[in-house]
Structures are given as C-alpha cells and as structure tokens.
Amino acid sequence: MGLSFQRERAYLRPTWPAESGRQQMMMHLEIGVEDLTAALDHALACGATLTEFQPQDDVRVCLDPDGHPFCLWVE
C-alpha cells in the first residue's frame, strides 16, 4: 500500500464541508487509529488543522496544510 503525490499549478483549495460551485475535495483519505485523541494531537503537531464541522462523534476531520481533508477514526 502506498500514496503518491504530485504538484498542480492550478490547484484550488477545496472547501469543507463541500459547497455547490466551490472546489470539491479530490480524494477521501481515512486513517484508522487506536487512540483518537493521541492521533489528533500528532496530526495537529505535524501541521494539520481540525475542521469546525465534525459530522460524526467517533471521527475527526482535519485538513492538511494545503487544505485536503482527511479523517481519523477509531478502528
């Protein structure tokens, strides 16, 4: 399993949650964790931000530094 990334000069930061007429997210990355609080603390220390809108109690939606949403959830 792996992830690949590339740069895009015409990149537009997606909105979360999605809004009609605005840039949508280009991927949906979910990361299963054992300890949600510890994983969130680690993500924030690495530069992620926690989104204001959180659709579920057992999942945390974060944004990477470029605005891509990703989810941390308890396995």
Protein backbone atom coordinates (compact mmCIF):
# COMPACT_ATOMS: atom_id res chain seq x y z
CA MET A 1 0.00 0.00 0.00
CA GLY A 2 1.28 3.47 -0.75
CA LEU A 3 0.38 7.04 -1.58
CA SER A 4 1.75 9.15 -4.40
CA PHE A 5 1.59 12.91 -4.70
CA GLN A 6 2.25 15.46 -7.40
CA ARG A 7 2.12 19.23 -7.64
CA GLU A 8 -0.61 21.04 -9.56
CA ARG A 9 -0.05 24.66 -10.60
CA ALA A 10 -3.79 25.28 -10.99
CA TYR A 11 -4.56 23.86 -7.52
CA LEU A 12 -7.55 25.37 -5.71
CA ARG A 13 -8.01 24.64 -2.02
CA PRO A 14 -11.17 22.54 -1.51
CA THR A 15 -13.96 23.60 0.84
CA TRP A 16 -15.12 21.51 3.79
CA PRO A 17 -17.88 20.73 4.05
CA ALA A 18 -18.50 20.74 0.32
CA GLU A 19 -20.32 23.74 -1.13
CA SER A 20 -22.03 23.89 -4.50
CA GLY A 21 -19.98 25.84 -7.01
CA ARG A 22 -16.75 25.63 -4.94
CA GLN A 23 -13.74 23.35 -5.36
CA GLN A 24 -14.57 19.84 -4.14
CA MET A 25 -12.08 17.56 -2.40
CA MET A 26 -10.05 15.45 -4.78
CA MET A 27 -9.62 12.45 -2.53
CA HIS A 28 -11.00 10.90 0.59
CA LEU A 29 -8.29 9.64 2.93
CA GLU A 30 -9.35 7.81 6.09
CA ILE A 31 -6.78 6.79 8.66
CA GLY A 32 -7.74 4.15 11.24
CA VAL A 33 -6.20 4.76 14.67
CA GLU A 34 -6.32 3.09 18.07
CA ASP A 35 -6.34 6.31 20.12
CA LEU A 36 -8.26 9.17 18.51
CA THR A 37 -7.00 11.84 20.93
CA ALA A 38 -3.35 10.85 20.52
CA ALA A 39 -3.69 10.63 16.73
CA LEU A 40 -5.35 14.04 16.57
CA ASP A 41 -2.62 15.57 18.75
CA HIS A 42 0.02 14.07 16.44
CA ALA A 43 -1.72 15.33 13.29
CA LEU A 44 -2.03 18.84 14.74
CA ALA A 45 1.66 18.82 15.77
CA CYS A 46 2.53 17.90 12.16
CA GLY A 47 0.65 20.91 10.75
CA ALA A 48 -2.92 19.70 10.31
CA THR A 49 -5.89 21.75 11.45
CA LEU A 50 -9.12 20.45 12.92
CA THR A 51 -12.19 21.46 10.90
CA GLU A 52 -15.04 23.28 12.58
CA PHE A 53 -17.63 20.92 11.07
CA GLN A 54 -17.37 17.40 12.52
CA PRO A 55 -20.10 15.10 11.11
CA GLN A 56 -19.53 12.16 13.49
CA ASP A 57 -18.62 11.74 17.16
CA ASP A 58 -16.04 8.97 16.60
CA VAL A 59 -14.28 10.59 13.61
CA ARG A 60 -12.15 13.73 13.43
CA VAL A 61 -11.96 15.58 10.11
CA CYS A 62 -8.72 17.50 9.67
CA LEU A 63 -7.12 19.48 6.86
CA ASP A 64 -3.53 19.02 5.77
CA PRO A 65 -1.50 22.24 5.29
CA ASP A 66 -2.75 22.52 1.68
CA GLY A 67 -6.39 22.10 2.67
CA HIS A 68 -7.02 18.46 1.74
CA PRO A 69 -9.47 16.89 4.21
CA PHE A 70 -8.63 13.60 5.87
CA CYS A 71 -10.38 11.61 8.58
CA LEU A 72 -9.04 9.96 11.70
CA TRP A 73 -11.31 7.21 13.01
CA VAL A 74 -11.09 4.57 15.72
CA GLU A 75 -10.50 1.08 14.31
